[in-house]
Amino acid sequence: MKIIIDAMGGDLAPREPVRGALMARNEHGCEVTLVGQEATIRRILEQDNIGTLPPGIEIVDASQVIEICDNPSTAWHDKPDSSMTVGLKMLKEGKGDAFISAGSTGALLAGGTLIVRRIPGVRRAAVAPVVPSGAGSTVLIDAGANSECTAEYMVQFAHMGSFYAERVLGRETPRVGLLNIGAEPSKGSELYKQVYHLLEEAKEAGHLNFVGNVEPTTFAKEDACDVIVADGFVGNILLKAMEGTASFIVKGLKDLFTTNAKTKLGYLMIKGNMGSFKKLLDSRETGGTALLGLRRPIFKAHGSSDAYAISHAVGKAVEFVSADITGAIAARMADLNAAAGGK
């Protein structure tokens, strides 16, 4: 298996993506292709006392870099020799099994949609991070790719998220919940009421295990669902609120345990358990977020990803490819399209 990494994408590029590639090669055993400015990458390798790349890692030169200030909808086109554009074209041509970038989310989504293209029948690709929850972990879809959605888009998100939870999280008959402000079917906007109705129909047809509306507090406290469906605007707010709350909790605990000698002693007694708790809240452990609905696997890593996070993103990509999520979604979309008479 070969994973393509955008070496120039992200706040800490290219050093951390390069280090992450080396780490991933050792940890996951896959081949890695680094796409970016070769002279810069080799200079970093020299600075880190790495004379030659180990077997299984190669560099593909790309002279341009997509910056955060670039127009996300056209950056892939305006900079045809950028690391992101070159990497996506390699993925489309079968020169790798998955692509990872910590660069601009908008540019990655636009490039993925227009270069790699969507699975036939899929109306919109969606961002689907795996977030901590009462179920241990839950797929959140969409988490920011589509701020404006139709009911049809959101029902497709439910199908894609269900396959992801089944194949990657190992959930048999994943429970699908609709993120809302209340549990009652009458809650929410007209869009959400319409989505609720369509998800009920999908449940009755045996296509989804829909469990109804799920509130933000419910999924976090209880074993409520395996997939949370939302439009990209609402889903992104939930995701960022979780990240902000996690940072607040970690800082608060750190301040608490460094108050005095007694609290420091208490920390030493629970240090092992605290490590596990911090991992649960650490965005680096998530690694990468899948863009579901595209013909080839694409993962968005956090913009501030270090080598550890990049390596974890590679691990997620390897799991994704091994489970053939893309093939499963394509087959389901074909079945649904046939059942709807090709509409």
C-alpha atoms as a PDB file:
ATOM      1  CA  MET A   1       0.000   0.000   0.000  1.00  0.00           C
ATOM      2  CA  LYS A   2       1.259   3.486  -0.866  1.00  0.00           C
ATOM      3  CA  ILE A   3       0.141   6.705   0.853  1.00  0.00           C
ATOM      4  CA  ILE A   4       0.765  10.113  -0.755  1.00  0.00           C
ATOM      5  CA  ILE A   5       1.511  12.999   1.640  1.00  0.00           C
ATOM      6  CA  ASP A   6       1.343  16.708   0.813  1.00  0.00           C
ATOM      7  CA  ALA A   7       4.725  17.716   2.251  1.00  0.00           C
ATOM      8  CA  MET A   8       4.028  21.457   1.882  1.00  0.00           C
ATOM      9  CA  GLY A   9       0.573  21.564   3.490  1.00  0.00           C
ATOM     10  CA  GLY A  10       0.008  22.761   7.057  1.00  0.00           C
ATOM     11  CA  ASP A  11       1.371  25.227   9.595  1.00  0.00           C
ATOM     12  CA  LEU A  12       4.426  23.067  10.356  1.00  0.00           C
ATOM     13  CA  ALA A  13       5.255  22.016   6.812  1.00  0.00           C
ATOM     14  CA  PRO A  14       7.461  20.733   5.398  1.00  0.00           C
ATOM     15  CA  ARG A  15       9.434  19.522   8.427  1.00  0.00           C
ATOM     16  CA  GLU A  16       6.608  17.768  10.290  1.00  0.00           C
ATOM     17  CA  PRO A  17       5.055  16.041   7.246  1.00  0.00           C
ATOM     18  CA  VAL A  18       8.534  14.750   6.354  1.00  0.00           C
ATOM     19  CA  ARG A  19       9.155  13.496   9.880  1.00  0.00           C
ATOM     20  CA  GLY A  20       5.645  12.057   9.943  1.00  0.00           C
ATOM     21  CA  ALA A  21       6.331  10.110   6.755  1.00  0.00           C
ATOM     22  CA  LEU A  22       9.436   8.554   8.295  1.00  0.00           C
ATOM     23  CA  MET A  23       7.502   7.672  11.433  1.00  0.00           C
ATOM     24  CA  ALA A  24       4.594   6.224   9.454  1.00  0.00           C
ATOM     25  CA  ARG A  25       6.910   4.040   7.384  1.00  0.00           C
ATOM     26  CA  ASN A  26       8.157   2.421  10.593  1.00  0.00           C
ATOM     27  CA  GLU A  27       4.812   2.218  12.381  1.00  0.00           C
ATOM     28  CA  HIS A  28       2.450   1.211   9.577  1.00  0.00           C
ATOM     29  CA  GLY A  29       4.738  -0.528   7.092  1.00  0.00           C
ATOM     30  CA  CYS A  30       3.249   1.204   4.061  1.00  0.00           C
ATOM     31  CA  GLU A  31       5.134   2.955   1.285  1.00  0.00           C
ATOM     32  CA  VAL A  32       5.027   6.758   1.368  1.00  0.00           C
ATOM     33  CA  THR A  33       5.382   9.373  -1.369  1.00  0.00           C
ATOM     34  CA  LEU A  34       6.227  12.908  -0.251  1.00  0.00           C
ATOM     35  CA  VAL A  35       5.046  15.540  -2.752  1.00  0.00           C
ATOM     36  CA  GLY A  36       6.630  18.974  -2.490  1.00  0.00           C
ATOM     37  CA  GLN A  37       9.657  21.130  -3.200  1.00  0.00           C
ATOM     38  CA  GLU A  38      12.358  18.490  -3.366  1.00  0.00           C
ATOM     39  CA  ALA A  39      15.292  20.801  -2.611  1.00  0.00           C
ATOM     40  CA  THR A  40      13.565  22.037   0.559  1.00  0.00           C
ATOM     41  CA  ILE A  41      12.687  18.514   1.663  1.00  0.00           C
ATOM     42  CA  ARG A  42      16.240  17.272   1.164  1.00  0.00           C
ATOM     43  CA  ARG A  43      17.623  20.258   3.059  1.00  0.00           C
ATOM     44  CA  ILE A  44      15.423  19.302   6.024  1.00  0.00           C
ATOM     45  CA  LEU A  45      16.637  15.711   5.811  1.00  0.00           C
ATOM     46  CA  GLU A  46      20.218  16.983   5.950  1.00  0.00           C
ATOM     47  CA  GLN A  47      19.452  19.181   8.953  1.00  0.00           C
ATOM     48  CA  ASP A  48      17.941  16.155  10.712  1.00  0.00           C
ATOM     49  CA  ASN A  49      21.036  14.060   9.869  1.00  0.00           C
ATOM     50  CA  ILE A  50      19.161  11.782   7.493  1.00  0.00           C
ATOM     51  CA  GLY A  51      21.487  11.177   4.568  1.00  0.00           C
ATOM     52  CA  THR A  52      19.276   9.026   2.386  1.00  0.00           C
ATOM     53  CA  LEU A  53      15.613   8.127   2.572  1.00  0.00           C
ATOM     54  CA  PRO A  54      14.866   4.586   3.754  1.00  0.00           C
ATOM     55  CA  PRO A  55      13.393   2.092   1.261  1.00  0.00           C
ATOM     56  CA  GLY A  56       9.680   2.663   0.712  1.00  0.00           C
ATOM     57  CA  ILE A  57       9.815   6.481   0.834  1.00  0.00           C
ATOM     58  CA  GLU A  58      10.184   8.638  -2.262  1.00  0.00           C
ATOM     59  CA  ILE A  59       9.971  12.321  -3.148  1.00  0.00           C
ATOM     60  CA  VAL A  60       8.010  13.745  -6.091  1.00  0.00           C
ATOM     61  CA  ASP A  61       8.969  17.332  -6.873  1.00  0.00           C
ATOM     62  CA  ALA A  62       6.258  20.016  -6.977  1.00  0.00           C
ATOM     63  CA  SER A  63       7.423  23.616  -7.255  1.00  0.00           C
ATOM     64  CA  GLN A  64       4.337  25.476  -5.979  1.00  0.00           C
ATOM     65  CA  VAL A  65       2.582  25.707  -2.608  1.00  0.00           C
ATOM     66  CA  ILE A  66      -1.097  26.425  -1.955  1.00  0.00           C
ATOM     67  CA  GLU A  67      -1.261  29.031   0.794  1.00  0.00           C
ATOM     68  CA  ILE A  68      -4.143  29.676   3.183  1.00  0.00           C
ATOM     69  CA  CYS A  69      -4.646  33.079   1.551  1.00  0.00           C
ATOM     70  CA  ASP A  70      -5.252  31.491  -1.882  1.00  0.00           C
ATOM     71  CA  ASN A  71      -8.805  31.205  -3.176  1.00  0.00           C
ATOM     72  CA  PRO A  72      -9.791  27.677  -2.058  1.00  0.00           C
ATOM     73  CA  SER A  73     -12.159  27.061  -4.957  1.00  0.00           C
ATOM     74  CA  THR A  74      -9.547  27.771  -7.643  1.00  0.00           C
ATOM     75  CA  ALA A  75      -6.173  27.265  -5.928  1.00  0.00           C
ATOM     76  CA  TRP A  76      -5.725  23.740  -7.296  1.00  0.00           C
ATOM     77  CA  HIS A  77      -6.235  25.132 -10.828  1.00  0.00           C
ATOM     78  CA  ASP A  78      -4.283  28.366 -10.371  1.00  0.00           C
ATOM     79  CA  LYS A  79      -1.261  26.440  -9.066  1.00  0.00           C
ATOM     80  CA  PRO A  80      -1.098  23.302 -11.226  1.00  0.00           C
ATOM     81  CA  ASP A  81       2.365  22.361  -9.924  1.00  0.00           C
ATOM     82  CA  SER A  82       1.434  22.719  -6.262  1.00  0.00           C
ATOM     83  CA  SER A  83       2.070  19.812  -3.918  1.00  0.00           C
ATOM     84  CA  MET A  84      -1.676  19.407  -3.367  1.00  0.00           C
ATOM     85  CA  THR A  85      -2.631  19.434  -7.050  1.00  0.00           C
ATOM     86  CA  VAL A  86       0.204  17.103  -8.069  1.00  0.00           C
ATOM     87  CA  GLY A  87      -0.637  14.727  -5.227  1.00  0.00           C
ATOM     88  CA  LEU A  88      -4.329  14.618  -6.117  1.00  0.00           C
ATOM     89  CA  LYS A  89      -3.505  13.933  -9.762  1.00  0.00           C
ATOM     90  CA  MET A  90      -1.221  11.093  -8.698  1.00  0.00           C
ATOM     91  CA  LEU A  91      -4.047   9.660  -6.609  1.00  0.00           C
ATOM     92  CA  LYS A  92      -6.457   9.864  -9.539  1.00  0.00           C
ATOM     93  CA  GLU A  93      -3.931   8.095 -11.783  1.00  0.00           C
ATOM     94  CA  GLY A  94      -3.556   5.218  -9.320  1.00  0.00           C
ATOM     95  CA  LYS A  95      -0.012   6.131  -8.237  1.00  0.00           C
ATOM     96  CA  GLY A  96      -1.073   5.884  -4.598  1.00  0.00           C
ATOM     97  CA  ASP A  97      -3.882   4.409  -2.513  1.00  0.00           C
ATOM     98  CA  ALA A  98      -4.737   7.502  -0.449  1.00  0.00           C
ATOM     99  CA  PHE A  99      -3.774  11.180  -0.167  1.00  0.00           C
ATOM    100  CA  ILE A 100      -3.192  13.190   3.026  1.00  0.00           C
ATOM    101  CA  SER A 101      -2.852  16.960   3.380  1.00  0.00           C
ATOM    102  CA  ALA A 102      -2.758  19.338   6.342  1.00  0.00           C
ATOM    103  CA  GLY A 103      -3.271  22.271   3.964  1.00  0.00           C
ATOM    104  CA  SER A 104      -6.360  24.320   3.127  1.00  0.00           C
ATOM    105  CA  THR A 105      -9.554  22.318   3.700  1.00  0.00           C
ATOM    106  CA  GLY A 106     -11.439  24.280   1.050  1.00  0.00           C
ATOM    107  CA  ALA A 107      -8.732  23.778  -1.562  1.00  0.00           C
ATOM    108  CA  LEU A 108      -8.483  20.081  -0.730  1.00  0.00           C
ATOM    109  CA  LEU A 109     -12.235  19.610  -1.030  1.00  0.00           C
ATOM    110  CA  ALA A 110     -12.408  21.562  -4.305  1.00  0.00           C
ATOM    111  CA  GLY A 111      -9.392  19.771  -5.755  1.00  0.00           C
ATOM    112  CA  GLY A 112     -10.628  16.386  -4.623  1.00  0.00           C
ATOM    113  CA  THR A 113     -14.066  17.006  -6.115  1.00  0.00           C
ATOM    114  CA  LEU A 114     -12.814  18.318  -9.466  1.00  0.00           C
ATOM    115  CA  ILE A 115      -9.683  16.176  -9.942  1.00  0.00           C
ATOM    116  CA  VAL A 116     -10.472  12.881  -8.233  1.00  0.00           C
ATOM    117  CA  ARG A 117     -14.248  13.473  -8.566  1.00  0.00           C
ATOM    118  CA  ARG A 118     -17.202  12.195  -6.600  1.00  0.00           C
ATOM    119  CA  ILE A 119     -18.544   8.641  -6.546  1.00  0.00           C
ATOM    120  CA  PRO A 120     -21.405   8.337  -9.067  1.00  0.00           C
ATOM    121  CA  GLY A 121     -24.666   9.197  -7.332  1.00  0.00           C
ATOM    122  CA  VAL A 122     -23.041  11.171  -4.501  1.00  0.00           C
ATOM    123  CA  ARG A 123     -24.212  14.775  -4.552  1.00  0.00           C
ATOM    124  CA  ARG A 124     -21.655  16.230  -2.116  1.00  0.00           C
ATOM    125  CA  ALA A 125     -18.485  14.965  -0.459  1.00  0.00           C
ATOM    126  CA  ALA A 126     -18.474  15.386   3.317  1.00  0.00           C
ATOM    127  CA  VAL A 127     -15.950  15.725   6.129  1.00  0.00           C
ATOM    128  CA  ALA A 128     -16.357  12.850   8.595  1.00  0.00           C
ATOM    129  CA  PRO A 129     -14.160  13.028  11.721  1.00  0.00           C
ATOM    130  CA  VAL A 130     -14.361  10.361  14.416  1.00  0.00           C
ATOM    131  CA  VAL A 131     -15.073  12.150  17.715  1.00  0.00           C
ATOM    132  CA  PRO A 132     -15.094  10.895  21.339  1.00  0.00           C
ATOM    133  CA  SER A 133     -18.574  10.159  22.676  1.00  0.00           C
ATOM    134  CA  GLY A 134     -20.606   8.078  25.093  1.00  0.00           C
ATOM    135  CA  ALA A 135     -20.238   5.223  22.591  1.00  0.00           C
ATOM    136  CA  GLY A 136     -16.457   5.551  22.825  1.00  0.00           C
ATOM    137  CA  SER A 137     -16.231   7.129  19.382  1.00  0.00           C
ATOM    138  CA  THR A 138     -18.771   8.396  16.879  1.00  0.00           C
ATOM    139  CA  VAL A 139     -18.633   9.490  13.224  1.00  0.00           C
ATOM    140  CA  LEU A 140     -19.691  13.133  12.762  1.00  0.00           C
ATOM    141  CA  ILE A 141     -20.808  13.933   9.203  1.00  0.00           C
ATOM    142  CA  ASP A 142     -20.724  16.636   7.808  1.00  0.00           C
ATOM    143  CA  ALA A 143     -18.208  18.603   9.891  1.00  0.00           C
ATOM    144  CA  GLY A 144     -17.601  21.554   7.599  1.00  0.00           C
ATOM    145  CA  ALA A 145     -17.532  20.754   3.891  1.00  0.00           C
ATOM    146  CA  ASN A 146     -21.083  21.916   3.097  1.00  0.00           C
ATOM    147  CA  SER A 147     -22.433  24.877   5.045  1.00  0.00           C
ATOM    148  CA  GLU A 148     -25.653  24.820   3.022  1.00  0.00           C
ATOM    149  CA  CYS A 149     -27.338  21.464   2.487  1.00  0.00           C
ATOM    150  CA  THR A 150     -30.478  19.915   1.093  1.00  0.00           C
ATOM    151  CA  ALA A 151     -32.295  17.042   2.784  1.00  0.00           C
ATOM    152  CA  GLU A 152     -31.008  14.724   0.043  1.00  0.00           C
ATOM    153  CA  TYR A 153     -27.400  15.608   0.838  1.00  0.00           C
ATOM    154  CA  MET A 154     -27.871  14.900   4.534  1.00  0.00           C
ATOM    155  CA  VAL A 155     -29.537  11.542   3.920  1.00  0.00           C
ATOM    156  CA  GLN A 156     -26.560  10.575   1.769  1.00  0.00           C
ATOM    157  CA  PHE A 157     -24.275  11.688   4.616  1.00  0.00           C
ATOM    158  CA  ALA A 158     -26.144   9.236   6.840  1.00  0.00           C
ATOM    159  CA  HIS A 159     -25.515   6.357   4.432  1.00  0.00           C
ATOM    160  CA  MET A 160     -21.831   7.204   4.015  1.00  0.00           C
ATOM    161  CA  GLY A 161     -21.301   7.676   7.735  1.00  0.00           C
ATOM    162  CA  SER A 162     -23.031   4.374   8.450  1.00  0.00           C
ATOM    163  CA  PHE A 163     -20.652   2.481   6.176  1.00  0.00           C
ATOM    164  CA  TYR A 164     -17.679   4.236   7.753  1.00  0.00           C
ATOM    165  CA  ALA A 165     -18.794   3.305  11.265  1.00  0.00           C
ATOM    166  CA  GLU A 166     -19.443  -0.283  10.216  1.00  0.00           C
ATOM    167  CA  ARG A 167     -16.211  -0.894   8.323  1.00  0.00           C
ATOM    168  CA  VAL A 168     -13.722   1.167  10.376  1.00  0.00           C
ATOM    169  CA  LEU A 169     -15.218   1.349  13.881  1.00  0.00           C
ATOM    170  CA  GLY A 170     -16.538  -2.192  13.705  1.00  0.00           C
ATOM    171  CA  ARG A 171     -20.122  -1.249  14.628  1.00  0.00           C
ATOM    172  CA  GLU A 172     -22.665  -3.813  13.512  1.00  0.00           C
ATOM    173  CA  THR A 173     -25.805  -2.066  12.207  1.00  0.00           C
ATOM    174  CA  PRO A 174     -24.575   1.418  13.196  1.00  0.00           C
ATOM    175  CA  ARG A 175     -27.074   3.637  14.963  1.00  0.00           C
ATOM    176  CA  VAL A 176     -27.616   6.885  13.065  1.00  0.00           C
ATOM    177  CA  GLY A 177     -28.727  10.014  14.933  1.00  0.00           C
ATOM    178  CA  LEU A 178     -29.716  13.437  13.597  1.00  0.00           C
ATOM    179  CA  LEU A 179     -28.051  16.280  15.512  1.00  0.00           C
ATOM    180  CA  ASN A 180     -30.781  18.590  16.767  1.00  0.00           C
ATOM    181  CA  ILE A 181     -31.869  20.901  19.588  1.00  0.00           C
ATOM    182  CA  GLY A 182     -34.280  18.354  21.008  1.00  0.00           C
ATOM    183  CA  ALA A 183     -35.254  14.693  20.793  1.00  0.00           C
ATOM    184  CA  GLU A 184     -38.781  15.244  19.494  1.00  0.00           C
ATOM    185  CA  PRO A 185     -39.405  14.851  15.724  1.00  0.00           C
ATOM    186  CA  SER A 186     -40.953  18.343  15.648  1.00  0.00           C
ATOM    187  CA  LYS A 187     -37.730  20.045  16.772  1.00  0.00           C
ATOM    188  CA  GLY A 188     -35.420  22.041  14.544  1.00  0.00           C
ATOM    189  CA  SER A 189     -35.685  23.924  11.266  1.00  0.00           C
ATOM    190  CA  GLU A 190     -37.809  22.841   8.310  1.00  0.00           C
ATOM    191  CA  LEU A 191     -34.702  21.282   6.760  1.00  0.00           C
ATOM    192  CA  TYR A 192     -34.101  19.120   9.814  1.00  0.00           C
ATOM    193  CA  LYS A 193     -37.756  18.106  10.019  1.00  0.00           C
ATOM    194  CA  GLN A 194     -37.592  17.022   6.394  1.00  0.00           C
ATOM    195  CA  VAL A 195     -34.361  15.093   6.970  1.00  0.00           C
ATOM    196  CA  TYR A 196     -35.945  13.376   9.980  1.00  0.00           C
ATOM    197  CA  HIS A 197     -38.848  12.219   7.804  1.00  0.00           C
ATOM    198  CA  LEU A 198     -36.547  10.888   5.070  1.00  0.00           C
ATOM    199  CA  LEU A 199     -34.348   9.074   7.591  1.00  0.00           C
ATOM    200  CA  GLU A 200     -37.470   7.448   9.054  1.00  0.00           C
ATOM    201  CA  GLU A 201     -38.362   6.258   5.552  1.00  0.00           C
ATOM    202  CA  ALA A 202     -34.840   4.861   5.106  1.00  0.00           C
ATOM    203  CA  LYS A 203     -35.235   3.035   8.416  1.00  0.00           C
ATOM    204  CA  GLU A 204     -38.584   1.517   7.384  1.00  0.00           C
ATOM    205  CA  ALA A 205     -37.018   0.379   4.089  1.00  0.00           C
ATOM    206  CA  GLY A 206     -34.261  -1.362   6.036  1.00  0.00           C
ATOM    207  CA  HIS A 207     -31.493   0.890   4.676  1.00  0.00           C
ATOM    208  CA  LEU A 208     -30.481   2.639   7.911  1.00  0.00           C
ATOM    209  CA  ASN A 209     -30.706   2.088  11.642  1.00  0.00           C
ATOM    210  CA  PHE A 210     -32.061   5.566  12.410  1.00  0.00           C
ATOM    211  CA  VAL A 211     -32.526   6.238  16.136  1.00  0.00           C
ATOM    212  CA  GLY A 212     -34.019   9.740  15.924  1.00  0.00           C
ATOM    213  CA  ASN A 213     -32.804  13.160  16.986  1.00  0.00           C
ATOM    214  CA  VAL A 214     -29.706  13.358  19.190  1.00  0.00           C
ATOM    215  CA  GLU A 215     -28.807  16.415  21.270  1.00  0.00           C
ATOM    216  CA  PRO A 216     -25.176  17.540  21.690  1.00  0.00           C
ATOM    217  CA  THR A 217     -25.271  16.718  25.407  1.00  0.00           C
ATOM    218  CA  THR A 218     -26.866  13.302  24.861  1.00  0.00           C
ATOM    219  CA  PHE A 219     -24.294  11.786  22.521  1.00  0.00           C
ATOM    220  CA  ALA A 220     -21.467  12.970  24.762  1.00  0.00           C
ATOM    221  CA  LYS A 221     -22.941  11.487  27.950  1.00  0.00           C
ATOM    222  CA  GLU A 222     -24.718   8.379  26.716  1.00  0.00           C
ATOM    223  CA  ASP A 223     -24.179   5.492  24.332  1.00  0.00           C
ATOM    224  CA  ALA A 224     -26.666   7.107  21.968  1.00  0.00           C
ATOM    225  CA  CYS A 225     -25.447   6.564  18.420  1.00  0.00           C
ATOM    226  CA  ASP A 226     -22.542   5.594  16.183  1.00  0.00           C
ATOM    227  CA  VAL A 227     -23.130   8.256  13.513  1.00  0.00           C
ATOM    228  CA  ILE A 228     -24.225  11.875  13.974  1.00  0.00           C
ATOM    229  CA  VAL A 229     -25.675  13.568  10.885  1.00  0.00           C
ATOM    230  CA  ALA A 230     -25.608  17.360  10.504  1.00  0.00           C
ATOM    231  CA  ASP A 231     -25.195  20.012   7.846  1.00  0.00           C
ATOM    232  CA  GLY A 232     -21.641  21.303   7.558  1.00  0.00           C
ATOM    233  CA  PHE A 233     -22.351  24.576   9.360  1.00  0.00           C
ATOM    234  CA  VAL A 234     -23.845  22.967  12.477  1.00  0.00           C
ATOM    235  CA  GLY A 235     -21.422  20.030  12.421  1.00  0.00           C
ATOM    236  CA  ASN A 236     -18.386  22.306  12.249  1.00  0.00           C
ATOM    237  CA  ILE A 237     -19.618  24.360  15.196  1.00  0.00           C
ATOM    238  CA  LEU A 238     -20.062  21.181  17.233  1.00  0.00           C
ATOM    239  CA  LEU A 239     -16.581  19.939  16.279  1.00  0.00           C
ATOM    240  CA  LYS A 240     -14.865  23.224  17.150  1.00  0.00           C
ATOM    241  CA  ALA A 241     -16.837  23.546  20.387  1.00  0.00           C
ATOM    242  CA  MET A 242     -15.601  20.073  21.357  1.00  0.00           C
ATOM    243  CA  GLU A 243     -11.996  20.991  20.505  1.00  0.00           C
ATOM    244  CA  GLY A 244     -12.225  24.234  22.475  1.00  0.00           C
ATOM    245  CA  THR A 245     -13.803  22.519  25.473  1.00  0.00           C
ATOM    246  CA  ALA A 246     -11.141  19.811  25.410  1.00  0.00           C
ATOM    247  CA  SER A 247      -8.359  22.427  25.442  1.00  0.00           C
ATOM    248  CA  PHE A 248     -10.071  24.217  28.321  1.00  0.00           C
ATOM    249  CA  ILE A 249     -10.391  21.008  30.355  1.00  0.00           C
ATOM    250  CA  VAL A 250      -6.782  19.954  29.772  1.00  0.00           C
ATOM    251  CA  LYS A 251      -5.484  23.400  30.779  1.00  0.00           C
ATOM    252  CA  GLY A 252      -7.770  23.468  33.811  1.00  0.00           C
ATOM    253  CA  LEU A 253      -6.558  20.071  34.988  1.00  0.00           C
ATOM    254  CA  LYS A 254      -2.934  21.088  34.464  1.00  0.00           C
ATOM    255  CA  ASP A 255      -3.450  24.228  36.533  1.00  0.00           C
ATOM    256  CA  LEU A 256      -5.239  22.231  39.222  1.00  0.00           C
ATOM    257  CA  PHE A 257      -2.508  19.615  39.564  1.00  0.00           C
ATOM    258  CA  THR A 258       0.285  22.192  39.771  1.00  0.00           C
ATOM    259  CA  THR A 259      -1.326  24.238  42.543  1.00  0.00           C
ATOM    260  CA  ASN A 260       0.772  22.882  45.410  1.00  0.00           C
ATOM    261  CA  ALA A 261       2.742  19.883  46.637  1.00  0.00           C
ATOM    262  CA  LYS A 262      -0.422  17.997  47.646  1.00  0.00           C
ATOM    263  CA  THR A 263      -2.023  18.284  44.204  1.00  0.00           C
ATOM    264  CA  LYS A 264       1.258  17.330  42.531  1.00  0.00           C
ATOM    265  CA  LEU A 265       1.345  14.191  44.673  1.00  0.00           C
ATOM    266  CA  GLY A 266      -2.232  13.443  43.677  1.00  0.00           C
ATOM    267  CA  TYR A 267      -1.271  13.777  40.023  1.00  0.00           C
ATOM    268  CA  LEU A 268       1.529  11.245  40.418  1.00  0.00           C
ATOM    269  CA  MET A 269      -0.993   8.752  41.808  1.00  0.00           C
ATOM    270  CA  ILE A 270      -3.308   9.016  38.788  1.00  0.00           C
ATOM    271  CA  LYS A 271      -0.727   9.848  36.124  1.00  0.00           C
ATOM    272  CA  GLY A 272      -1.413   6.689  34.086  1.00  0.00           C
ATOM    273  CA  ASN A 273      -5.152   7.293  33.919  1.00  0.00           C
ATOM    274  CA  MET A 274      -4.615  10.960  33.117  1.00  0.00           C
ATOM    275  CA  GLY A 275      -2.486   9.982  30.141  1.00  0.00           C
ATOM    276  CA  SER A 276      -5.343   7.949  28.693  1.00  0.00           C
ATOM    277  CA  PHE A 277      -7.773  10.811  29.316  1.00  0.00           C
ATOM    278  CA  LYS A 278      -5.502  13.345  27.598  1.00  0.00           C
ATOM    279  CA  LYS A 279      -5.197  11.055  24.579  1.00  0.00           C
ATOM    280  CA  LEU A 280      -8.979  10.959  24.300  1.00  0.00           C
ATOM    281  CA  LEU A 281      -9.034  14.765  24.028  1.00  0.00           C
ATOM    282  CA  ASP A 282      -5.884  15.142  21.892  1.00  0.00           C
ATOM    283  CA  SER A 283      -6.629  16.108  18.271  1.00  0.00           C
ATOM    284  CA  ARG A 284      -3.284  14.556  17.269  1.00  0.00           C
ATOM    285  CA  GLU A 285      -4.690  11.132  18.137  1.00  0.00           C
ATOM    286  CA  THR A 286      -7.430  11.609  15.550  1.00  0.00           C
ATOM    287  CA  GLY A 287      -4.766  12.037  12.894  1.00  0.00           C
ATOM    288  CA  GLY A 288      -6.795  12.621   9.768  1.00  0.00           C
ATOM    289  CA  THR A 289     -10.405  13.174   8.823  1.00  0.00           C
ATOM    290  CA  ALA A 290     -11.825  11.324   5.833  1.00  0.00           C
ATOM    291  CA  LEU A 291     -13.520  13.160   2.972  1.00  0.00           C
ATOM    292  CA  LEU A 292     -16.308  10.694   2.226  1.00  0.00           C
ATOM    293  CA  GLY A 293     -17.982  10.475  -1.165  1.00  0.00           C
ATOM    294  CA  LEU A 294     -14.922  10.797  -3.418  1.00  0.00           C
ATOM    295  CA  ARG A 295     -13.692   8.092  -5.796  1.00  0.00           C
ATOM    296  CA  ARG A 296     -10.338   7.707  -4.035  1.00  0.00           C
ATOM    297  CA  PRO A 297      -9.482   8.076  -0.312  1.00  0.00           C
ATOM    298  CA  ILE A 298      -8.525  11.604   0.752  1.00  0.00           C
ATOM    299  CA  PHE A 299      -7.739  12.635   4.327  1.00  0.00           C
ATOM    300  CA  LYS A 300      -7.535  16.113   5.842  1.00  0.00           C
ATOM    301  CA  ALA A 301      -5.044  16.410   8.687  1.00  0.00           C
ATOM    302  CA  HIS A 302      -5.280  19.253  11.202  1.00  0.00           C
ATOM    303  CA  GLY A 303      -3.484  22.394  10.069  1.00  0.00           C
ATOM    304  CA  SER A 304      -1.169  22.277  13.097  1.00  0.00           C
ATOM    305  CA  SER A 305      -0.335  18.579  12.685  1.00  0.00           C
ATOM    306  CA  ASP A 306       3.093  17.505  13.907  1.00  0.00           C
ATOM    307  CA  ALA A 307       4.884  14.314  12.877  1.00  0.00           C
ATOM    308  CA  TYR A 308       2.906  12.247  15.399  1.00  0.00           C
ATOM    309  CA  ALA A 309      -0.416  13.481  13.978  1.00  0.00           C
ATOM    310  CA  ILE A 310       0.702  12.907  10.375  1.00  0.00           C
ATOM    311  CA  SER A 311       1.711   9.355  11.216  1.00  0.00           C
ATOM    312  CA  HIS A 312      -1.690   8.764  12.808  1.00  0.00           C
ATOM    313  CA  ALA A 313      -3.353  10.164   9.688  1.00  0.00           C
ATOM    314  CA  VAL A 314      -1.431   7.600   7.645  1.00  0.00           C
ATOM    315  CA  GLY A 315      -2.698   4.894   9.989  1.00  0.00           C
ATOM    316  CA  LYS A 316      -6.294   6.060   9.472  1.00  0.00           C
ATOM    317  CA  ALA A 317      -5.767   6.048   5.713  1.00  0.00           C
ATOM    318  CA  VAL A 318      -4.383   2.507   5.810  1.00  0.00           C
ATOM    319  CA  GLU A 319      -7.458   1.351   7.777  1.00  0.00           C
ATOM    320  CA  PHE A 320      -9.749   3.132   5.329  1.00  0.00           C
ATOM    321  CA  VAL A 321      -8.155   1.564   2.263  1.00  0.00           C
ATOM    322  CA  SER A 322      -8.029  -1.887   3.846  1.00  0.00           C
ATOM    323  CA  ALA A 323     -11.743  -1.712   4.686  1.00  0.00           C
ATOM    324  CA  ASP A 324     -12.574  -0.541   1.136  1.00  0.00           C
ATOM    325  CA  ILE A 325     -14.894   2.204   2.399  1.00  0.00           C
ATOM    326  CA  THR A 326     -14.903   3.864  -1.020  1.00  0.00           C
ATOM    327  CA  GLY A 327     -16.036   0.644  -2.705  1.00  0.00           C
ATOM    328  CA  ALA A 328     -18.740   0.076  -0.096  1.00  0.00           C
ATOM    329  CA  ILE A 329     -20.120   3.602  -0.505  1.00  0.00           C
ATOM    330  CA  ALA A 330     -20.047   3.291  -4.316  1.00  0.00           C
ATOM    331  CA  ALA A 331     -21.983   0.013  -4.160  1.00  0.00           C
ATOM    332  CA  ARG A 332     -24.583   1.452  -1.778  1.00  0.00           C
ATOM    333  CA  MET A 333     -25.055   4.575  -3.890  1.00  0.00           C
ATOM    334  CA  ALA A 334     -25.556   2.395  -6.987  1.00  0.00           C
ATOM    335  CA  ASP A 335     -28.175   0.315  -5.146  1.00  0.00           C
ATOM    336  CA  LEU A 336     -30.011   3.391  -3.879  1.00  0.00           C
ATOM    337  CA  ASN A 337     -29.936   5.011  -7.299  1.00  0.00           C
ATOM    338  CA  ALA A 338     -31.322   1.835  -8.889  1.00  0.00           C
ATOM    339  CA  ALA A 339     -34.071   1.607  -6.256  1.00  0.00           C
ATOM    340  CA  ALA A 340     -35.023   5.216  -6.998  1.00  0.00           C
ATOM    341  CA  GLY A 341     -35.295   4.469 -10.700  1.00  0.00           C
ATOM    342  CA  GLY A 342     -32.012   6.185 -11.578  1.00  0.00           C
ATOM    343  CA  LYS A 343     -33.209   9.578 -10.376  1.00  0.00           C
END
